[in-house]
Amino acid sequence: MRMLAIASLAVIAATSAQAAPAAGAGGLAAHRAVYDLSLKDASERSGISGMVGRMVYEFAGSACEGYTVSFRFVTEISTGEDSRLTDQQTTTFEDIRKGTFRFVTRSFVDQKLDHEVRGSAEAKENGLALALEQPDKLSLDIAPARFPTEHMIELIGKAREGERFYESRIYDGSDEGDKAMITTTILGEKQPVEKTDTEAKRAGELADDAYWPVSMSYFEEAAEGDGLPVYSIAFKLYENGVTRDLTMDYGDFVLQGELAQLDMYEPEPCVEQ
C-alpha cells in the first residue's frame, strides 16, 4: 500500500503543469486539490472488499525559489474480515535551475509509523547522484532522469504541441528512492466539457474549460520486452495543469479519484537575480 500512495503522488505531480496566463509565461499554478477516492474494481487475488479515502495535493513555489509539493493520501481498506487505515505523507522540494530534488515520505498504518524514506538527488553531467538518508544511508549514481516538475513542464509542452505519444524517465523518490521509472504517455485531443459532467462544476472557474484526456503508465526501468506496467492512470488535464476524474490502476485493483475541492492561489513573484 506504500507503493500505491507514492505512485499516486508521482502521477499527480506529473500532471500539475504550466499555469494559467495569470501566473505568467513559464510559471506554475499554485493550488490545492482534494480528491475523494473510491474502489472501482478489485480482483479476488487482491483480498480487498472495499476502499475509500481522500487525497490532498498542494503545489507552491516559483522558478526562482524552487517548487514545494505537500501530498497526503489516506485510505481505509476493508478485506472482509477486518480493515486498516493507511496514511501516506510526502513533502518534496525541487530547484529546476540548480538541478536538485529533496524528498521525505512517511507511511502510517493505523496511526503508527510504518516506514520512512528520505533523501535527495542532484543532476550531474552523466546522470543523477542520489543520497539516501532513510531507511538506510546510501549513495549511488543512476542514468539521467527528469524530476517531477521538469516532467510536468514536458507533459504540458507535448500536449500543447499536439504530440500524442511519448516516453520519459522520471525520478521522484518512489518506493525506496533508489531508482527511476520509465513512463509512457498517451495524450488525446482537447475535449469540450459535457453538460452532464457534474464533477466539472467543482473545478470553479475551470468548469466550462476544455481539457486533454491523458493516460500514463509506469514501468520498472529494468523491465524488458512487453512487460506490464507497475501502475497506470487516466485523467482529465486542464490547460492550467489542474487534473480531475482520475482512474488509478494498480493491477489487482483500481481506484477512482473525483475532484472534491479546488483552491487556486496567487502565484509567487519570480524576480531574476
C-alpha atoms as a PDB file:
ATOM      1  CA  MET A   1       0.000   0.000   0.000  1.00  0.00           C
ATOM      2  CA  ARG A   2       3.027   2.293   0.437  1.00  0.00           C
ATOM      3  CA  MET A   3       3.744   1.894  -3.268  1.00  0.00           C
ATOM      4  CA  LEU A   4       0.117   2.725  -4.056  1.00  0.00           C
ATOM      5  CA  ALA A   5       0.313   6.115  -2.388  1.00  0.00           C
ATOM      6  CA  ILE A   6       3.747   7.007  -3.759  1.00  0.00           C
ATOM      7  CA  ALA A   7       2.571   6.023  -7.221  1.00  0.00           C
ATOM      8  CA  SER A   8      -0.362   8.375  -6.894  1.00  0.00           C
ATOM      9  CA  LEU A   9       1.959  11.186  -5.860  1.00  0.00           C
ATOM     10  CA  ALA A  10       4.138  10.583  -8.901  1.00  0.00           C
ATOM     11  CA  VAL A  11       1.170  10.763 -11.212  1.00  0.00           C
ATOM     12  CA  ILE A  12      -0.386  13.869  -9.681  1.00  0.00           C
ATOM     13  CA  ALA A  13       2.966  15.630  -9.619  1.00  0.00           C
ATOM     14  CA  ALA A  14       3.498  14.840 -13.251  1.00  0.00           C
ATOM     15  CA  THR A  15       0.212  16.445 -14.203  1.00  0.00           C
ATOM     16  CA  SER A  16       0.281  19.719 -12.250  1.00  0.00           C
ATOM     17  CA  ALA A  17       1.580  21.538 -15.240  1.00  0.00           C
ATOM     18  CA  GLN A  18       2.177  25.016 -16.527  1.00  0.00           C
ATOM     19  CA  ALA A  19      -0.064  27.651 -15.115  1.00  0.00           C
ATOM     20  CA  ALA A  20      -2.861  29.840 -16.360  1.00  0.00           C
ATOM     21  CA  PRO A  21      -1.904  33.146 -18.023  1.00  0.00           C
ATOM     22  CA  ALA A  22      -2.228  34.938 -14.683  1.00  0.00           C
ATOM     23  CA  ALA A  23       0.859  33.103 -13.462  1.00  0.00           C
ATOM     24  CA  GLY A  24       2.964  34.497 -16.264  1.00  0.00           C
ATOM     25  CA  ALA A  25       4.900  32.783 -19.026  1.00  0.00           C
ATOM     26  CA  GLY A  26       6.758  29.743 -17.781  1.00  0.00           C
ATOM     27  CA  GLY A  27       5.065  29.916 -14.354  1.00  0.00           C
ATOM     28  CA  LEU A  28       3.455  27.058 -12.464  1.00  0.00           C
ATOM     29  CA  ALA A  29      -0.008  27.094 -10.946  1.00  0.00           C
ATOM     30  CA  ALA A  30      -0.051  27.235  -7.153  1.00  0.00           C
ATOM     31  CA  HIS A  31      -3.069  25.263  -5.981  1.00  0.00           C
ATOM     32  CA  ARG A  32      -4.553  22.765  -3.559  1.00  0.00           C
ATOM     33  CA  ALA A  33      -6.666  19.916  -4.940  1.00  0.00           C
ATOM     34  CA  VAL A  34      -8.703  17.461  -2.858  1.00  0.00           C
ATOM     35  CA  TYR A  35      -9.881  14.158  -4.351  1.00  0.00           C
ATOM     36  CA  ASP A  36     -12.396  11.689  -2.928  1.00  0.00           C
ATOM     37  CA  LEU A  37     -11.264   8.109  -3.521  1.00  0.00           C
ATOM     38  CA  SER A  38     -13.372   5.004  -4.032  1.00  0.00           C
ATOM     39  CA  LEU A  39     -12.787   1.437  -5.147  1.00  0.00           C
ATOM     40  CA  LYS A  40     -13.762   0.975  -8.788  1.00  0.00           C
ATOM     41  CA  ASP A  41     -12.713  -2.649  -9.227  1.00  0.00           C
ATOM     42  CA  ALA A  42     -10.742  -5.339  -7.369  1.00  0.00           C
ATOM     43  CA  SER A  43      -9.708  -8.867  -8.267  1.00  0.00           C
ATOM     44  CA  GLU A  44     -10.221 -11.772  -5.893  1.00  0.00           C
ATOM     45  CA  ARG A  45      -6.439 -12.040  -5.585  1.00  0.00           C
ATOM     46  CA  SER A  46      -6.226  -8.540  -4.073  1.00  0.00           C
ATOM     47  CA  GLY A  47      -8.177  -9.591  -0.999  1.00  0.00           C
ATOM     48  CA  ILE A  48      -9.803  -6.145  -0.949  1.00  0.00           C
ATOM     49  CA  SER A  49     -13.556  -5.933  -0.442  1.00  0.00           C
ATOM     50  CA  GLY A  50     -13.773  -2.167  -0.098  1.00  0.00           C
ATOM     51  CA  MET A  51     -11.690   1.005  -0.055  1.00  0.00           C
ATOM     52  CA  VAL A  52     -12.486   4.671   0.497  1.00  0.00           C
ATOM     53  CA  GLY A  53     -10.207   7.608   1.095  1.00  0.00           C
ATOM     54  CA  ARG A  54      -9.058  11.098   0.310  1.00  0.00           C
ATOM     55  CA  MET A  55      -6.041  12.513  -1.485  1.00  0.00           C
ATOM     56  CA  VAL A  56      -4.803  16.076  -0.955  1.00  0.00           C
ATOM     57  CA  TYR A  57      -2.173  17.629  -3.225  1.00  0.00           C
ATOM     58  CA  GLU A  58      -0.709  21.105  -2.711  1.00  0.00           C
ATOM     59  CA  PHE A  59       1.755  22.774  -5.067  1.00  0.00           C
ATOM     60  CA  ALA A  60       3.567  26.085  -4.431  1.00  0.00           C
ATOM     61  CA  GLY A  61       6.719  27.999  -5.302  1.00  0.00           C
ATOM     62  CA  SER A  62       8.358  29.668  -8.276  1.00  0.00           C
ATOM     63  CA  ALA A  63      11.126  29.148 -10.807  1.00  0.00           C
ATOM     64  CA  CYS A  64      13.339  31.475  -8.734  1.00  0.00           C
ATOM     65  CA  GLU A  65      12.760  29.953  -5.306  1.00  0.00           C
ATOM     66  CA  GLY A  66      12.034  26.347  -6.267  1.00  0.00           C
ATOM     67  CA  TYR A  67       8.844  24.279  -6.002  1.00  0.00           C
ATOM     68  CA  THR A  68       7.339  22.564  -2.978  1.00  0.00           C
ATOM     69  CA  VAL A  69       4.779  19.763  -3.037  1.00  0.00           C
ATOM     70  CA  SER A  70       2.836  18.577   0.008  1.00  0.00           C
ATOM     71  CA  PHE A  71       0.878  15.397  -0.519  1.00  0.00           C
ATOM     72  CA  ARG A  72      -1.326  13.274   1.717  1.00  0.00           C
ATOM     73  CA  PHE A  73      -3.067  10.049   0.768  1.00  0.00           C
ATOM     74  CA  VAL A  74      -5.384   8.437   3.348  1.00  0.00           C
ATOM     75  CA  THR A  75      -7.348   5.229   2.739  1.00  0.00           C
ATOM     76  CA  GLU A  76      -9.462   2.854   4.771  1.00  0.00           C
ATOM     77  CA  ILE A  77      -9.060  -0.644   3.346  1.00  0.00           C
ATOM     78  CA  SER A  78     -11.513  -3.463   4.056  1.00  0.00           C
ATOM     79  CA  THR A  79     -10.560  -7.087   3.496  1.00  0.00           C
ATOM     80  CA  GLY A  80     -13.829  -8.692   4.569  1.00  0.00           C
ATOM     81  CA  GLU A  81     -12.548  -9.831   7.956  1.00  0.00           C
ATOM     82  CA  ASP A  82     -11.002  -6.554   9.134  1.00  0.00           C
ATOM     83  CA  SER A  83      -9.939  -3.100   7.992  1.00  0.00           C
ATOM     84  CA  ARG A  84      -6.914  -0.849   8.335  1.00  0.00           C
ATOM     85  CA  LEU A  85      -6.180   2.833   7.917  1.00  0.00           C
ATOM     86  CA  THR A  86      -3.181   3.859   5.820  1.00  0.00           C
ATOM     87  CA  ASP A  87      -1.807   7.395   5.772  1.00  0.00           C
ATOM     88  CA  GLN A  88       0.923   8.481   3.345  1.00  0.00           C
ATOM     89  CA  GLN A  89       2.540  11.915   3.881  1.00  0.00           C
ATOM     90  CA  THR A  90       5.100  13.237   1.404  1.00  0.00           C
ATOM     91  CA  THR A  91       6.916  16.554   1.044  1.00  0.00           C
ATOM     92  CA  THR A  92       9.276  17.383  -1.834  1.00  0.00           C
ATOM     93  CA  PHE A  93      11.338  20.392  -2.907  1.00  0.00           C
ATOM     94  CA  GLU A  94      12.724  20.834  -6.409  1.00  0.00           C
ATOM     95  CA  ASP A  95      15.015  23.529  -7.796  1.00  0.00           C
ATOM     96  CA  ILE A  96      14.995  23.193 -11.579  1.00  0.00           C
ATOM     97  CA  ARG A  97      17.719  25.760 -12.136  1.00  0.00           C
ATOM     98  CA  LYS A  98      20.140  24.021  -9.766  1.00  0.00           C
ATOM     99  CA  GLY A  99      19.002  20.539 -10.774  1.00  0.00           C
ATOM    100  CA  THR A 100      18.314  19.387  -7.207  1.00  0.00           C
ATOM    101  CA  PHE A 101      15.469  17.451  -5.593  1.00  0.00           C
ATOM    102  CA  ARG A 102      14.754  16.598  -1.939  1.00  0.00           C
ATOM    103  CA  PHE A 103      12.004  14.389  -0.530  1.00  0.00           C
ATOM    104  CA  VAL A 104      10.674  12.758   2.623  1.00  0.00           C
ATOM    105  CA  THR A 105       7.852  10.205   2.759  1.00  0.00           C
ATOM    106  CA  ARG A 106       6.289   8.801   5.926  1.00  0.00           C
ATOM    107  CA  SER A 107       3.832   5.911   5.848  1.00  0.00           C
ATOM    108  CA  PHE A 108       1.482   5.201   8.745  1.00  0.00           C
ATOM    109  CA  VAL A 109      -0.715   2.151   9.328  1.00  0.00           C
ATOM    110  CA  ASP A 110      -3.467   2.564  11.907  1.00  0.00           C
ATOM    111  CA  GLN A 111      -1.778   5.818  13.024  1.00  0.00           C
ATOM    112  CA  LYS A 112       1.583   4.131  13.715  1.00  0.00           C
ATOM    113  CA  LEU A 113       4.697   4.970  11.682  1.00  0.00           C
ATOM    114  CA  ASP A 114       5.384   2.023   9.393  1.00  0.00           C
ATOM    115  CA  HIS A 115       8.094   3.298   7.056  1.00  0.00           C
ATOM    116  CA  GLU A 116      10.109   6.434   6.258  1.00  0.00           C
ATOM    117  CA  VAL A 117      12.083   7.250   3.130  1.00  0.00           C
ATOM    118  CA  ARG A 118      14.213  10.389   2.983  1.00  0.00           C
ATOM    119  CA  GLY A 119      16.832  11.562   0.513  1.00  0.00           C
ATOM    120  CA  SER A 120      17.948  13.886  -2.250  1.00  0.00           C
ATOM    121  CA  ALA A 121      19.141  13.811  -5.839  1.00  0.00           C
ATOM    122  CA  GLU A 122      21.275  16.089  -7.986  1.00  0.00           C
ATOM    123  CA  ALA A 123      21.549  16.224 -11.749  1.00  0.00           C
ATOM    124  CA  LYS A 124      25.110  15.642 -12.945  1.00  0.00           C
ATOM    125  CA  GLU A 125      26.609  15.641 -16.430  1.00  0.00           C
ATOM    126  CA  ASN A 126      26.096  11.910 -16.944  1.00  0.00           C
ATOM    127  CA  GLY A 127      23.089  11.158 -14.729  1.00  0.00           C
ATOM    128  CA  LEU A 128      21.662  11.615 -11.229  1.00  0.00           C
ATOM    129  CA  ALA A 129      23.609  11.390  -7.983  1.00  0.00           C
ATOM    130  CA  LEU A 130      21.362  10.026  -5.202  1.00  0.00           C
ATOM    131  CA  ALA A 131      21.986  10.479  -1.486  1.00  0.00           C
ATOM    132  CA  LEU A 132      19.530   8.499   0.676  1.00  0.00           C
ATOM    133  CA  GLU A 133      19.281   9.017   4.436  1.00  0.00           C
ATOM    134  CA  GLN A 134      16.349   6.755   5.386  1.00  0.00           C
ATOM    135  CA  PRO A 135      15.722   3.874   5.811  1.00  0.00           C
ATOM    136  CA  ASP A 136      19.478   3.359   5.215  1.00  0.00           C
ATOM    137  CA  LYS A 137      22.282   5.686   4.187  1.00  0.00           C
ATOM    138  CA  LEU A 138      23.168   5.052   0.562  1.00  0.00           C
ATOM    139  CA  SER A 139      24.897   6.951  -2.247  1.00  0.00           C
ATOM    140  CA  LEU A 140      24.610   5.838  -5.855  1.00  0.00           C
ATOM    141  CA  ASP A 141      24.521   7.124  -9.417  1.00  0.00           C
ATOM    142  CA  ILE A 142      21.747   6.319 -11.887  1.00  0.00           C
ATOM    143  CA  ALA A 143      21.003   7.181 -15.509  1.00  0.00           C
ATOM    144  CA  PRO A 144      19.675  10.662 -16.400  1.00  0.00           C
ATOM    145  CA  ALA A 145      16.023  11.253 -15.453  1.00  0.00           C
ATOM    146  CA  ARG A 146      13.651  14.157 -15.047  1.00  0.00           C
ATOM    147  CA  PHE A 147      12.465  15.374 -11.675  1.00  0.00           C
ATOM    148  CA  PRO A 148       8.681  15.784 -11.193  1.00  0.00           C
ATOM    149  CA  THR A 149       8.390  19.486 -12.023  1.00  0.00           C
ATOM    150  CA  GLU A 150      10.529  19.027 -15.120  1.00  0.00           C
ATOM    151  CA  HIS A 151       8.207  16.215 -16.081  1.00  0.00           C
ATOM    152  CA  MET A 152       5.205  18.486 -15.547  1.00  0.00           C
ATOM    153  CA  ILE A 153       6.547  21.022 -17.998  1.00  0.00           C
ATOM    154  CA  GLU A 154       7.405  18.315 -20.511  1.00  0.00           C
ATOM    155  CA  LEU A 155       3.893  16.856 -20.369  1.00  0.00           C
ATOM    156  CA  ILE A 156       2.090  20.152 -20.914  1.00  0.00           C
ATOM    157  CA  GLY A 157       4.525  21.139 -23.655  1.00  0.00           C
ATOM    158  CA  LYS A 158       3.816  17.904 -25.538  1.00  0.00           C
ATOM    159  CA  ALA A 159       0.053  18.382 -25.165  1.00  0.00           C
ATOM    160  CA  ARG A 160       0.176  21.948 -26.465  1.00  0.00           C
ATOM    161  CA  GLU A 161       2.277  20.866 -29.456  1.00  0.00           C
ATOM    162  CA  GLY A 162      -0.263  18.174 -30.355  1.00  0.00           C
ATOM    163  CA  GLU A 163       2.062  15.231 -29.678  1.00  0.00           C
ATOM    164  CA  ARG A 164       0.058  12.094 -28.958  1.00  0.00           C
ATOM    165  CA  PHE A 165       2.595   9.623 -27.534  1.00  0.00           C
ATOM    166  CA  TYR A 166       5.994   9.855 -25.857  1.00  0.00           C
ATOM    167  CA  GLU A 167       8.251   8.139 -23.321  1.00  0.00           C
ATOM    168  CA  SER A 168      10.255   9.630 -20.478  1.00  0.00           C
ATOM    169  CA  ARG A 169      12.304   8.580 -17.450  1.00  0.00           C
ATOM    170  CA  ILE A 170      11.324  10.169 -14.136  1.00  0.00           C
ATOM    171  CA  TYR A 171      12.845  10.175 -10.643  1.00  0.00           C
ATOM    172  CA  ASP A 172      10.524  11.189  -7.795  1.00  0.00           C
ATOM    173  CA  GLY A 173      11.713   9.210  -4.767  1.00  0.00           C
ATOM    174  CA  SER A 174       9.155   6.427  -5.302  1.00  0.00           C
ATOM    175  CA  ASP A 175       9.309   3.208  -3.291  1.00  0.00           C
ATOM    176  CA  GLU A 176      12.761   3.131  -1.627  1.00  0.00           C
ATOM    177  CA  GLY A 177      14.037   6.159  -3.557  1.00  0.00           C
ATOM    178  CA  ASP A 178      16.851   4.248  -5.245  1.00  0.00           C
ATOM    179  CA  LYS A 179      15.647   4.115  -8.845  1.00  0.00           C
ATOM    180  CA  ALA A 180      13.881   5.949 -11.655  1.00  0.00           C
ATOM    181  CA  MET A 181      10.906   4.692 -13.641  1.00  0.00           C
ATOM    182  CA  ILE A 182      10.016   4.723 -17.323  1.00  0.00           C
ATOM    183  CA  THR A 183       6.737   6.412 -18.257  1.00  0.00           C
ATOM    184  CA  THR A 184       4.719   6.136 -21.448  1.00  0.00           C
ATOM    185  CA  THR A 185       2.114   8.823 -22.015  1.00  0.00           C
ATOM    186  CA  ILE A 186      -0.823   8.969 -24.423  1.00  0.00           C
ATOM    187  CA  LEU A 187      -2.332  12.428 -25.000  1.00  0.00           C
ATOM    188  CA  GLY A 188      -5.744  12.803 -26.593  1.00  0.00           C
ATOM    189  CA  GLU A 189      -7.077  15.827 -28.457  1.00  0.00           C
ATOM    190  CA  LYS A 190      -8.615  18.575 -26.376  1.00  0.00           C
ATOM    191  CA  GLN A 191     -12.249  17.849 -25.469  1.00  0.00           C
ATOM    192  CA  PRO A 192     -15.100  20.216 -24.527  1.00  0.00           C
ATOM    193  CA  VAL A 193     -16.733  19.614 -21.165  1.00  0.00           C
ATOM    194  CA  GLU A 194     -20.068  17.779 -21.324  1.00  0.00           C
ATOM    195  CA  LYS A 195     -23.159  19.350 -19.750  1.00  0.00           C
ATOM    196  CA  THR A 196     -23.803  16.134 -17.788  1.00  0.00           C
ATOM    197  CA  ASP A 197     -20.306  16.224 -16.236  1.00  0.00           C
ATOM    198  CA  THR A 198     -21.184  17.039 -12.613  1.00  0.00           C
ATOM    199  CA  GLU A 199     -17.575  16.789 -11.400  1.00  0.00           C
ATOM    200  CA  ALA A 200     -16.574  19.697 -13.678  1.00  0.00           C
ATOM    201  CA  LYS A 201     -18.698  22.065 -11.591  1.00  0.00           C
ATOM    202  CA  ARG A 202     -16.335  21.578  -8.650  1.00  0.00           C
ATOM    203  CA  ALA A 203     -13.465  22.995 -10.698  1.00  0.00           C
ATOM    204  CA  GLY A 204     -14.753  26.537 -10.122  1.00  0.00           C
ATOM    205  CA  GLU A 205     -13.686  28.924 -12.864  1.00  0.00           C
ATOM    206  CA  LEU A 206     -12.477  25.943 -14.927  1.00  0.00           C
ATOM    207  CA  ALA A 207     -15.927  24.329 -15.021  1.00  0.00           C
ATOM    208  CA  ASP A 208     -16.555  25.176 -18.661  1.00  0.00           C
ATOM    209  CA  ASP A 209     -12.957  24.800 -19.897  1.00  0.00           C
ATOM    210  CA  ALA A 210     -11.816  22.153 -22.362  1.00  0.00           C
ATOM    211  CA  TYR A 211      -9.328  19.501 -21.214  1.00  0.00           C
ATOM    212  CA  TRP A 212      -6.911  16.902 -22.544  1.00  0.00           C
ATOM    213  CA  PRO A 213      -7.666  13.221 -21.847  1.00  0.00           C
ATOM    214  CA  VAL A 214      -4.371  11.690 -20.706  1.00  0.00           C
ATOM    215  CA  SER A 215      -3.242   8.181 -19.801  1.00  0.00           C
ATOM    216  CA  MET A 216       0.143   7.314 -18.323  1.00  0.00           C
ATOM    217  CA  SER A 217       1.820   4.000 -17.496  1.00  0.00           C
ATOM    218  CA  TYR A 218       4.817   3.494 -15.211  1.00  0.00           C
ATOM    219  CA  PHE A 219       7.306   0.670 -15.820  1.00  0.00           C
ATOM    220  CA  GLU A 220      10.277  -0.676 -13.908  1.00  0.00           C
ATOM    221  CA  GLU A 221      13.436   0.655 -15.510  1.00  0.00           C
ATOM    222  CA  ALA A 222      14.910  -2.838 -15.806  1.00  0.00           C
ATOM    223  CA  ALA A 223      11.786  -4.323 -17.421  1.00  0.00           C
ATOM    224  CA  GLU A 224      12.297  -5.951 -20.814  1.00  0.00           C
ATOM    225  CA  GLY A 225      10.010  -6.606 -23.751  1.00  0.00           C
ATOM    226  CA  ASP A 226       6.256  -6.072 -23.387  1.00  0.00           C
ATOM    227  CA  GLY A 227       6.126  -6.212 -19.598  1.00  0.00           C
ATOM    228  CA  LEU A 228       3.053  -4.982 -17.754  1.00  0.00           C
ATOM    229  CA  PRO A 229       3.194  -1.558 -16.079  1.00  0.00           C
ATOM    230  CA  VAL A 230       3.603  -1.321 -12.318  1.00  0.00           C
ATOM    231  CA  TYR A 231       0.654   1.062 -12.335  1.00  0.00           C
ATOM    232  CA  SER A 232      -1.182   3.351 -14.737  1.00  0.00           C
ATOM    233  CA  ILE A 233      -3.546   6.293 -14.556  1.00  0.00           C
ATOM    234  CA  ALA A 234      -6.056   8.113 -16.750  1.00  0.00           C
ATOM    235  CA  PHE A 235      -7.272  11.651 -16.068  1.00  0.00           C
ATOM    236  CA  LYS A 236      -8.573  14.915 -17.483  1.00  0.00           C
ATOM    237  CA  LEU A 237      -5.995  17.701 -17.666  1.00  0.00           C
ATOM    238  CA  TYR A 238      -6.850  21.393 -17.911  1.00  0.00           C
ATOM    239  CA  GLU A 239      -4.708  23.982 -19.661  1.00  0.00           C
ATOM    240  CA  ASN A 240      -3.522  25.325 -16.293  1.00  0.00           C
ATOM    241  CA  GLY A 241      -2.482  21.908 -15.020  1.00  0.00           C
ATOM    242  CA  VAL A 242      -5.401  21.029 -12.747  1.00  0.00           C
ATOM    243  CA  THR A 243      -6.473  17.387 -13.051  1.00  0.00           C
ATOM    244  CA  ARG A 244      -9.694  15.563 -12.263  1.00  0.00           C
ATOM    245  CA  ASP A 245     -11.597  12.341 -12.974  1.00  0.00           C
ATOM    246  CA  LEU A 246      -8.654  10.120 -12.004  1.00  0.00           C
ATOM    247  CA  THR A 247      -8.626   6.375 -12.632  1.00  0.00           C
ATOM    248  CA  MET A 248      -5.645   4.680 -10.928  1.00  0.00           C
ATOM    249  CA  ASP A 249      -4.963   1.085 -11.950  1.00  0.00           C
ATOM    250  CA  TYR A 250      -2.614  -0.939  -9.721  1.00  0.00           C
ATOM    251  CA  GLY A 251      -3.188  -4.274 -11.432  1.00  0.00           C
ATOM    252  CA  ASP A 252      -5.136  -6.163  -8.766  1.00  0.00           C
ATOM    253  CA  PHE A 253      -7.403  -3.202  -8.013  1.00  0.00           C
ATOM    254  CA  VAL A 254      -8.493   0.130  -9.491  1.00  0.00           C
ATOM    255  CA  LEU A 255      -9.243   3.370  -7.636  1.00  0.00           C
ATOM    256  CA  GLN A 256     -11.397   6.255  -8.789  1.00  0.00           C
ATOM    257  CA  GLY A 257     -10.430   9.792  -7.733  1.00  0.00           C
ATOM    258  CA  GLU A 258     -13.056  12.525  -8.072  1.00  0.00           C
ATOM    259  CA  LEU A 259     -12.236  16.203  -7.584  1.00  0.00           C
ATOM    260  CA  ALA A 260     -13.997  17.378  -4.418  1.00  0.00           C
ATOM    261  CA  GLN A 261     -12.442  20.799  -3.875  1.00  0.00           C
ATOM    262  CA  LEU A 262     -10.032  23.086  -5.706  1.00  0.00           C
ATOM    263  CA  ASP A 263      -8.321  26.189  -4.311  1.00  0.00           C
ATOM    264  CA  MET A 264      -6.163  28.299  -6.611  1.00  0.00           C
ATOM    265  CA  TYR A 265      -3.506  30.544  -5.050  1.00  0.00           C
ATOM    266  CA  GLU A 266      -1.841  33.703  -6.251  1.00  0.00           C
ATOM    267  CA  PRO A 267       1.459  32.848  -7.990  1.00  0.00           C
ATOM    268  CA  GLU A 268       4.634  33.799  -6.163  1.00  0.00           C
ATOM    269  CA  PRO A 269       6.599  36.556  -7.895  1.00  0.00           C
ATOM    270  CA  CYS A 270       9.818  35.486  -9.569  1.00  0.00           C
ATOM    271  CA  VAL A 271      12.433  38.216  -9.900  1.00  0.00           C
ATOM    272  CA  GLU A 272      15.579  37.142 -11.719  1.00  0.00           C
ATOM    273  CA  GLN A 273      18.796  37.976  -9.873  1.00  0.00           C
END
